[in-house]
Amino acid sequence: MTAKCPKDANHRKFKTMAVVMETWVVDENGNYIETARHDAKCMCGPMEVVFGPLAGNKWTCAECATEAKVTGV
């Protein structure tokens, strides 16, 4: 799969969606309090990618905000 900016072929950065899991700090009822920090005080693992970017997502050029064309689906 390849994304291209229709305005400028030299633009190589795009914004699109991905699904990731993150570690939360919650109360005794499972209610969100905050996102756990990933530092020496926290034994949290890194975020886990559930789904990376998909060709069917909306892709937008990060440099000029033009909707990108995605090929090679």
C-alpha atoms as a PDB file:
ATOM      1  CA  MET A   1       0.000   0.000   0.000  1.00  0.00           C
ATOM      2  CA  THR A   2       1.274   3.473  -0.849  1.00  0.00           C
ATOM      3  CA  ALA A   3      -0.121   6.901   0.004  1.00  0.00           C
ATOM      4  CA  LYS A   4       0.561   9.884  -2.229  1.00  0.00           C
ATOM      5  CA  CYS A   5      -0.284  13.543  -1.869  1.00  0.00           C
ATOM      6  CA  PRO A   6      -2.060  14.705  -5.060  1.00  0.00           C
ATOM      7  CA  LYS A   7      -0.799  18.272  -4.511  1.00  0.00           C
ATOM      8  CA  ASP A   8       2.915  17.515  -4.079  1.00  0.00           C
ATOM      9  CA  ALA A   9       4.617  14.170  -4.708  1.00  0.00           C
ATOM     10  CA  ASN A  10       7.461  15.204  -2.381  1.00  0.00           C
ATOM     11  CA  HIS A  11       5.134  15.183   0.647  1.00  0.00           C
ATOM     12  CA  ARG A  12       5.820  11.876   2.418  1.00  0.00           C
ATOM     13  CA  LYS A  13       4.053  12.195   5.815  1.00  0.00           C
ATOM     14  CA  PHE A  14       0.385  11.392   6.316  1.00  0.00           C
ATOM     15  CA  LYS A  15      -2.169  11.339   9.128  1.00  0.00           C
ATOM     16  CA  THR A  16      -4.438   8.300   9.444  1.00  0.00           C
ATOM     17  CA  MET A  17      -5.881   6.123  12.186  1.00  0.00           C
ATOM     18  CA  ALA A  18      -4.375   3.159  14.009  1.00  0.00           C
ATOM     19  CA  VAL A  19      -5.806   1.226  16.960  1.00  0.00           C
ATOM     20  CA  VAL A  20      -3.549   0.856  20.011  1.00  0.00           C
ATOM     21  CA  MET A  21      -3.992  -0.405  23.556  1.00  0.00           C
ATOM     22  CA  GLU A  22      -2.592   1.552  26.480  1.00  0.00           C
ATOM     23  CA  THR A  23      -2.254   0.896  30.193  1.00  0.00           C
ATOM     24  CA  TRP A  24      -4.644   2.846  32.410  1.00  0.00           C
ATOM     25  CA  VAL A  25      -4.791   3.559  36.118  1.00  0.00           C
ATOM     26  CA  VAL A  26      -8.378   2.825  37.221  1.00  0.00           C
ATOM     27  CA  ASP A  27     -10.363   2.837  40.448  1.00  0.00           C
ATOM     28  CA  GLU A  28     -11.830  -0.259  42.110  1.00  0.00           C
ATOM     29  CA  ASN A  29     -14.824  -0.111  39.733  1.00  0.00           C
ATOM     30  CA  GLY A  30     -12.708   0.050  36.577  1.00  0.00           C
ATOM     31  CA  ASN A  31     -13.335   3.757  36.016  1.00  0.00           C
ATOM     32  CA  TYR A  32     -10.557   5.606  34.197  1.00  0.00           C
ATOM     33  CA  ILE A  33      -8.351   7.842  36.341  1.00  0.00           C
ATOM     34  CA  GLU A  34      -5.327   8.480  34.100  1.00  0.00           C
ATOM     35  CA  THR A  35      -3.025   6.909  31.546  1.00  0.00           C
ATOM     36  CA  ALA A  36      -0.202   5.030  33.254  1.00  0.00           C
ATOM     37  CA  ARG A  37       3.240   6.584  32.811  1.00  0.00           C
ATOM     38  CA  HIS A  38       5.968   4.530  31.240  1.00  0.00           C
ATOM     39  CA  ASP A  39       8.910   5.369  33.460  1.00  0.00           C
ATOM     40  CA  ALA A  40      11.021   3.830  36.227  1.00  0.00           C
ATOM     41  CA  LYS A  41       8.094   4.085  38.697  1.00  0.00           C
ATOM     42  CA  CYS A  42       5.784   2.071  36.476  1.00  0.00           C
ATOM     43  CA  MET A  43       6.281  -1.526  35.418  1.00  0.00           C
ATOM     44  CA  CYS A  44       3.919  -0.968  32.489  1.00  0.00           C
ATOM     45  CA  GLY A  45       4.688  -2.452  29.119  1.00  0.00           C
ATOM     46  CA  PRO A  46       4.708  -0.352  25.985  1.00  0.00           C
ATOM     47  CA  MET A  47       1.516   0.386  24.068  1.00  0.00           C
ATOM     48  CA  GLU A  48       0.446  -2.504  21.897  1.00  0.00           C
ATOM     49  CA  VAL A  49      -0.698  -1.984  18.314  1.00  0.00           C
ATOM     50  CA  VAL A  50      -4.012  -3.748  17.646  1.00  0.00           C
ATOM     51  CA  PHE A  51      -4.395  -2.573  14.029  1.00  0.00           C
ATOM     52  CA  GLY A  52      -1.955  -0.469  12.065  1.00  0.00           C
ATOM     53  CA  PRO A  53      -3.122   1.956   9.372  1.00  0.00           C
ATOM     54  CA  LEU A  54      -5.561   0.441   6.878  1.00  0.00           C
ATOM     55  CA  ALA A  55      -5.877   1.401   3.216  1.00  0.00           C
ATOM     56  CA  GLY A  56      -9.612   2.044   3.677  1.00  0.00           C
ATOM     57  CA  ASN A  57      -8.995   4.730   6.297  1.00  0.00           C
ATOM     58  CA  LYS A  58      -8.993   8.417   5.443  1.00  0.00           C
ATOM     59  CA  TRP A  59      -5.375   9.489   4.862  1.00  0.00           C
ATOM     60  CA  THR A  60      -4.480  13.190   4.963  1.00  0.00           C
ATOM     61  CA  CYS A  61      -1.194  14.778   3.970  1.00  0.00           C
ATOM     62  CA  ALA A  62       0.484  15.965   7.183  1.00  0.00           C
ATOM     63  CA  GLU A  63       2.177  18.804   5.298  1.00  0.00           C
ATOM     64  CA  CYS A  64      -0.700  20.414   3.352  1.00  0.00           C
ATOM     65  CA  ALA A  65      -3.873  18.698   4.698  1.00  0.00           C
ATOM     66  CA  THR A  66      -4.932  17.403   1.265  1.00  0.00           C
ATOM     67  CA  GLU A  67      -6.710  14.043   1.229  1.00  0.00           C
ATOM     68  CA  ALA A  68      -4.187  11.466   0.023  1.00  0.00           C
ATOM     69  CA  LYS A  69      -4.654   8.821  -2.651  1.00  0.00           C
ATOM     70  CA  VAL A  70      -3.913   5.300  -1.368  1.00  0.00           C
ATOM     71  CA  THR A  71      -3.051   2.549  -3.849  1.00  0.00           C
ATOM     72  CA  GLY A  72      -1.977  -1.075  -3.655  1.00  0.00           C
ATOM     73  CA  VAL A  73      -4.824  -2.118  -1.410  1.00  0.00           C
END
